[in-house]
């Protein structure tokens, strides 16, 4: 009743598509990772394609479907039809949730739920004991958390008031003024760096990297706590020239913490659950030996190196 009544008041609302509890790879300690919808990048390897558009989206988990047909019967918009399995007409679907409520096995779910900051705080406060015992906290990810700056700032303020450690996983492709203004409210940045060559960055993500590099420098000049995260994709950004350019650039900025994140195929599965709306290329991770060689090269220059995330 409290949430329903709150709709009559002006409150900042965020669009959250997942809260992952007991996360151990998105910052120090045990954490709750809050995934926000919306992203300005279109990375070829996107692990969270459901994060890209800033609206709720329907996902279909075929492996949970028992083919009972309840979703088709209860769809008020005639967006579902039957062809051995339920088939969704994306143009007609309003993401109203009728089929989700009708499904007895959870085969249909909506990615993206409105949430107020007080509700989010209640959710993450449930795990405070784990934060305190492990030195953990809350990490905002996505998508790009800065695509929802008002909600993110209010959430950071609330967590700070409750003395909960705050991390933000960002692509860096955000307005510099917003990033700098909120930086004093962030205890740790997990900063994605996908490629140093601008043309390669455009091919891989759809955007150039000038703003990303400028923002990284702006944060480093303000002595922000930063762990640079590099997704490694075979044949795309794992070459020696690219790695050396990255190493030299980070060294000049005085940044010495890096996480290497070898590619994995979870995005392919999610792409299918979204109905194949946004193609995700089938790529590959570098060989484990190559990842170790890259890690050793950074370590040789005094970097603290994590592989697959950081605790």
Foldseek 3Di string as FASTA:
>chain_A
DVVVVCVVDDFQKFWWQDWDFQDPFADFFGEIETAGADAPWDFLQDLCPCRHDRDKAKFFQVVQDPQPCQLCVQDPQNQWDDDVHIDGNVVRDPPPCRSCVRGPRRRMDIGIDMDGLVRVCVVRVVCVVRCVVGVAFYEYHYRAVCVRLVRVLVNLVVCVVVVGAYEYEHQQPHPLVSCVVCLVSHQEYAYEDEWDDQVLCCVRIVHGCPSSLVSVLVCLVVVHHYEYEYEAFPPRQLDPVGLVVVLVSCVVSVAAHYEYEFRDNSNVVRCVRSVVPRDRDDTGGPPPVSVVVSQVVSVVVPHDYHYNGHD
